Structures are given as C-alpha cells and as structure tokens.
Amino acid sequence: MKSFLTRIGTNTKMIVMGDINQADRKGISGLADAMTRLVDLKETGHIEFTYKDIVRHSIIGKILAKYEHDPNEK
C-alpha cells in the first residue's frame, strides 16, 4: 500500500477501494493500515460501507455474516 500511495503526483486524485477483512496475510490488511495512518491528513478521507449498503442481493449480507464467524472458534 505504501508503494502504491507514494506514487501520487501533482493534480492527481487516487481512489482506493477494498475490503479490510480481505488480507493476503494474517493480521491487519494494507488498506486498514493505511486508513489508520492517514486518518488525520486533511487531504485524505475515507468512507466505510456496512451491510446496510449492500444493493446486489439481500443474501449477500447473510453470506458475509456467516464468514465473519469462524466455525472452528469455540
């Protein structure tokens, strides 16, 4: 994410979209890390969506809810 974000040039607008729950490695995602680090920069902003924002099909929210709970967790 750092390599990507540091390529911003003059008169550039960059929009980064993603799901902070999807990461290549265990732990915090690059997107979540960037959101935390850049939160106080006035030149940046972010919008977070919830299940209420899903417009594809109502079952999508139900599927996502099932994936948030680890079936192996006791």
N, C-alpha and C. Protein backbone atom coordinates (compact mmCIF):
# COMPACT_ATOMS: atom_id res chain seq x y z
N MET A 1 0.84 -1.19 0.00
CA MET A 1 0.00 0.00 0.00
C MET A 1 0.88 1.25 0.00
N LYS A 2 1.95 1.22 0.80
CA LYS A 2 2.86 2.38 0.85
C LYS A 2 3.43 2.66 -0.54
N SER A 3 3.88 1.63 -1.24
CA SER A 3 4.44 1.82 -2.58
C SER A 3 3.40 2.40 -3.53
N PHE A 4 2.18 1.97 -3.40
CA PHE A 4 1.10 2.45 -4.25
C PHE A 4 0.77 3.91 -3.95
N LEU A 5 0.58 4.22 -2.69
CA LEU A 5 0.17 5.57 -2.29
C LEU A 5 1.24 6.63 -2.54
N THR A 6 2.49 6.24 -2.49
CA THR A 6 3.56 7.22 -2.70
C THR A 6 3.81 7.52 -4.18
N ARG A 7 2.96 7.03 -5.06
CA ARG A 7 3.05 7.34 -6.49
C ARG A 7 2.12 8.49 -6.87
N ILE A 8 1.43 9.07 -5.91
CA ILE A 8 0.50 10.17 -6.17
C ILE A 8 1.31 11.36 -6.68
N GLY A 9 0.87 11.96 -7.78
CA GLY A 9 1.56 13.11 -8.36
C GLY A 9 0.72 14.37 -8.26
N THR A 10 1.27 15.45 -8.78
CA THR A 10 0.58 16.74 -8.80
C THR A 10 -0.72 16.60 -9.59
N ASN A 11 -1.78 17.21 -9.09
CA ASN A 11 -3.10 17.19 -9.73
C ASN A 11 -3.64 15.76 -9.91
N THR A 12 -3.31 14.89 -8.98
CA THR A 12 -3.75 13.51 -9.04
C THR A 12 -4.82 13.26 -7.98
N LYS A 13 -5.82 12.51 -8.35
CA LYS A 13 -6.81 12.03 -7.39
C LYS A 13 -6.76 10.51 -7.43
N MET A 14 -6.57 9.91 -6.27
CA MET A 14 -6.48 8.46 -6.20
C MET A 14 -7.63 7.94 -5.34
N ILE A 15 -8.32 6.96 -5.86
CA ILE A 15 -9.40 6.32 -5.11
C ILE A 15 -9.00 4.87 -4.91
N VAL A 16 -8.95 4.45 -3.66
CA VAL A 16 -8.58 3.08 -3.31
C VAL A 16 -9.82 2.42 -2.74
N MET A 17 -10.19 1.30 -3.30
CA MET A 17 -11.37 0.58 -2.81
C MET A 17 -10.94 -0.82 -2.40
N GLY A 18 -11.58 -1.33 -1.37
CA GLY A 18 -11.27 -2.68 -0.95
C GLY A 18 -12.04 -3.07 0.27
N ASP A 19 -11.79 -4.26 0.72
CA ASP A 19 -12.43 -4.81 1.90
C ASP A 19 -11.35 -5.07 2.94
N ILE A 20 -11.40 -4.36 4.06
CA ILE A 20 -10.35 -4.51 5.08
C ILE A 20 -10.35 -5.90 5.71
N ASN A 21 -11.39 -6.67 5.49
CA ASN A 21 -11.44 -8.03 6.02
C ASN A 21 -10.77 -9.03 5.09
N GLN A 22 -10.35 -8.59 3.92
CA GLN A 22 -9.66 -9.47 2.99
C GLN A 22 -8.18 -9.08 2.98
N ALA A 23 -7.34 -9.97 3.47
CA ALA A 23 -5.90 -9.70 3.55
C ALA A 23 -5.14 -10.92 3.04
N ASP A 24 -3.97 -10.69 2.46
CA ASP A 24 -3.14 -11.79 1.97
C ASP A 24 -2.47 -12.54 3.12
N ARG A 25 -2.25 -11.84 4.21
CA ARG A 25 -1.59 -12.45 5.37
C ARG A 25 -2.47 -12.29 6.60
N LYS A 26 -2.20 -13.08 7.60
CA LYS A 26 -2.91 -12.93 8.88
C LYS A 26 -2.57 -11.57 9.46
N GLY A 27 -3.51 -10.98 10.12
CA GLY A 27 -3.26 -9.68 10.73
C GLY A 27 -3.97 -8.58 9.99
N ILE A 28 -3.47 -7.38 10.12
CA ILE A 28 -4.12 -6.21 9.54
C ILE A 28 -3.85 -6.12 8.04
N SER A 29 -4.86 -5.70 7.29
CA SER A 29 -4.69 -5.55 5.85
C SER A 29 -3.95 -4.23 5.55
N GLY A 30 -3.36 -4.14 4.38
CA GLY A 30 -2.68 -2.92 3.98
C GLY A 30 -3.64 -1.74 3.91
N LEU A 31 -4.87 -2.01 3.48
CA LEU A 31 -5.87 -0.95 3.41
C LEU A 31 -6.23 -0.45 4.80
N ALA A 32 -6.46 -1.36 5.73
CA ALA A 32 -6.79 -0.96 7.11
C ALA A 32 -5.64 -0.19 7.74
N ASP A 33 -4.42 -0.63 7.47
CA ASP A 33 -3.24 0.05 8.00
C ASP A 33 -3.15 1.47 7.44
N ALA A 34 -3.37 1.62 6.14
CA ALA A 34 -3.32 2.95 5.52
C ALA A 34 -4.41 3.86 6.08
N MET A 35 -5.60 3.33 6.28
CA MET A 35 -6.70 4.13 6.83
C MET A 35 -6.34 4.65 8.22
N THR A 36 -5.70 3.81 9.02
CA THR A 36 -5.30 4.21 10.38
C THR A 36 -4.21 5.28 10.33
N ARG A 37 -3.22 5.07 9.46
CA ARG A 37 -2.10 6.01 9.39
C ARG A 37 -2.49 7.37 8.81
N LEU A 38 -3.44 7.39 7.88
CA LEU A 38 -3.74 8.62 7.14
C LEU A 38 -4.97 9.35 7.67
N VAL A 39 -5.58 8.86 8.73
CA VAL A 39 -6.84 9.41 9.21
C VAL A 39 -6.77 10.90 9.54
N ASP A 40 -5.63 11.39 9.99
CA ASP A 40 -5.54 12.80 10.39
C ASP A 40 -5.00 13.73 9.30
N LEU A 41 -4.78 13.21 8.10
CA LEU A 41 -4.35 14.07 7.00
C LEU A 41 -5.57 14.72 6.36
N LYS A 42 -5.61 16.04 6.35
CA LYS A 42 -6.79 16.75 5.82
C LYS A 42 -6.97 16.52 4.33
N GLU A 43 -5.92 16.14 3.63
CA GLU A 43 -6.02 15.91 2.18
C GLU A 43 -6.61 14.54 1.84
N THR A 44 -6.81 13.72 2.86
CA THR A 44 -7.35 12.38 2.62
C THR A 44 -8.69 12.21 3.32
N GLY A 45 -9.41 11.21 2.92
CA GLY A 45 -10.68 10.90 3.55
C GLY A 45 -11.04 9.45 3.25
N HIS A 46 -12.00 8.94 3.96
CA HIS A 46 -12.45 7.59 3.64
C HIS A 46 -13.92 7.43 4.00
N ILE A 47 -14.53 6.50 3.31
CA ILE A 47 -15.93 6.17 3.52
C ILE A 47 -15.98 4.67 3.79
N GLU A 48 -16.68 4.28 4.83
CA GLU A 48 -16.84 2.86 5.13
C GLU A 48 -18.29 2.45 4.92
N PHE A 49 -18.48 1.34 4.25
CA PHE A 49 -19.81 0.81 3.99
C PHE A 49 -20.11 -0.33 4.96
N THR A 50 -21.37 -0.56 5.23
CA THR A 50 -21.81 -1.65 6.10
C THR A 50 -22.75 -2.56 5.31
N TYR A 51 -23.26 -3.58 5.98
CA TYR A 51 -24.22 -4.48 5.33
C TYR A 51 -25.43 -3.73 4.80
N LYS A 52 -25.77 -2.64 5.45
CA LYS A 52 -26.94 -1.86 5.02
C LYS A 52 -26.74 -1.22 3.65
N ASP A 53 -25.49 -1.13 3.21
CA ASP A 53 -25.19 -0.52 1.92
C ASP A 53 -25.19 -1.52 0.76
N ILE A 54 -25.38 -2.79 1.05
CA ILE A 54 -25.36 -3.82 0.00
C ILE A 54 -26.60 -3.67 -0.88
N VAL A 55 -26.38 -3.59 -2.18
CA VAL A 55 -27.50 -3.41 -3.09
C VAL A 55 -27.62 -4.55 -4.11
N ARG A 56 -26.70 -5.48 -4.10
CA ARG A 56 -26.75 -6.57 -5.08
C ARG A 56 -27.93 -7.50 -4.81
N HIS A 57 -27.93 -8.13 -3.67
CA HIS A 57 -28.99 -9.07 -3.30
C HIS A 57 -28.95 -9.21 -1.79
N SER A 58 -30.09 -9.36 -1.19
CA SER A 58 -30.17 -9.43 0.28
C SER A 58 -29.40 -10.61 0.86
N ILE A 59 -29.20 -11.66 0.10
CA ILE A 59 -28.47 -12.82 0.62
C ILE A 59 -26.99 -12.53 0.83
N ILE A 60 -26.45 -11.52 0.14
CA ILE A 60 -25.03 -11.19 0.27
C ILE A 60 -24.69 -10.84 1.72
N GLY A 61 -25.52 -10.02 2.36
CA GLY A 61 -25.29 -9.68 3.76
C GLY A 61 -25.31 -10.90 4.66
N LYS A 62 -26.19 -11.84 4.37
CA LYS A 62 -26.27 -13.08 5.16
C LYS A 62 -25.03 -13.94 4.97
N ILE A 63 -24.56 -14.00 3.73
CA ILE A 63 -23.34 -14.77 3.45
C ILE A 63 -22.14 -14.14 4.15
N LEU A 64 -22.01 -12.83 4.07
CA LEU A 64 -20.89 -12.15 4.73
C LEU A 64 -20.93 -12.36 6.24
N ALA A 65 -22.11 -12.35 6.82
CA ALA A 65 -22.25 -12.58 8.27
C ALA A 65 -21.75 -13.97 8.64
N LYS A 66 -22.02 -14.95 7.80
CA LYS A 66 -21.55 -16.33 8.07
C LYS A 66 -20.03 -16.42 8.01
N TYR A 67 -19.41 -15.66 7.12
CA TYR A 67 -17.95 -15.69 7.01
C TYR A 67 -17.26 -14.93 8.13
N GLU A 68 -17.94 -14.05 8.81
CA GLU A 68 -17.33 -13.31 9.92
C GLU A 68 -17.17 -14.14 11.17
N HIS A 69 -17.89 -15.23 11.26
CA HIS A 69 -17.82 -16.09 12.44
C HIS A 69 -17.07 -17.36 12.08
N ASP A 70 -15.94 -17.59 12.73
CA ASP A 70 -15.11 -18.77 12.48
C ASP A 70 -15.83 -20.00 13.01
N PRO A 71 -16.16 -20.98 12.13
CA PRO A 71 -16.86 -22.17 12.59
C PRO A 71 -16.01 -23.04 13.52
N ASN A 72 -14.69 -22.86 13.50
CA ASN A 72 -13.80 -23.63 14.36
C ASN A 72 -13.58 -22.96 15.71
N GLU A 73 -14.09 -21.75 15.86
CA GLU A 73 -13.92 -20.99 17.10
C GLU A 73 -14.85 -21.55 18.17
N LYS A 74 -14.33 -21.70 19.38
CA LYS A 74 -15.15 -22.26 20.47
C LYS A 74 -15.43 -21.20 21.50
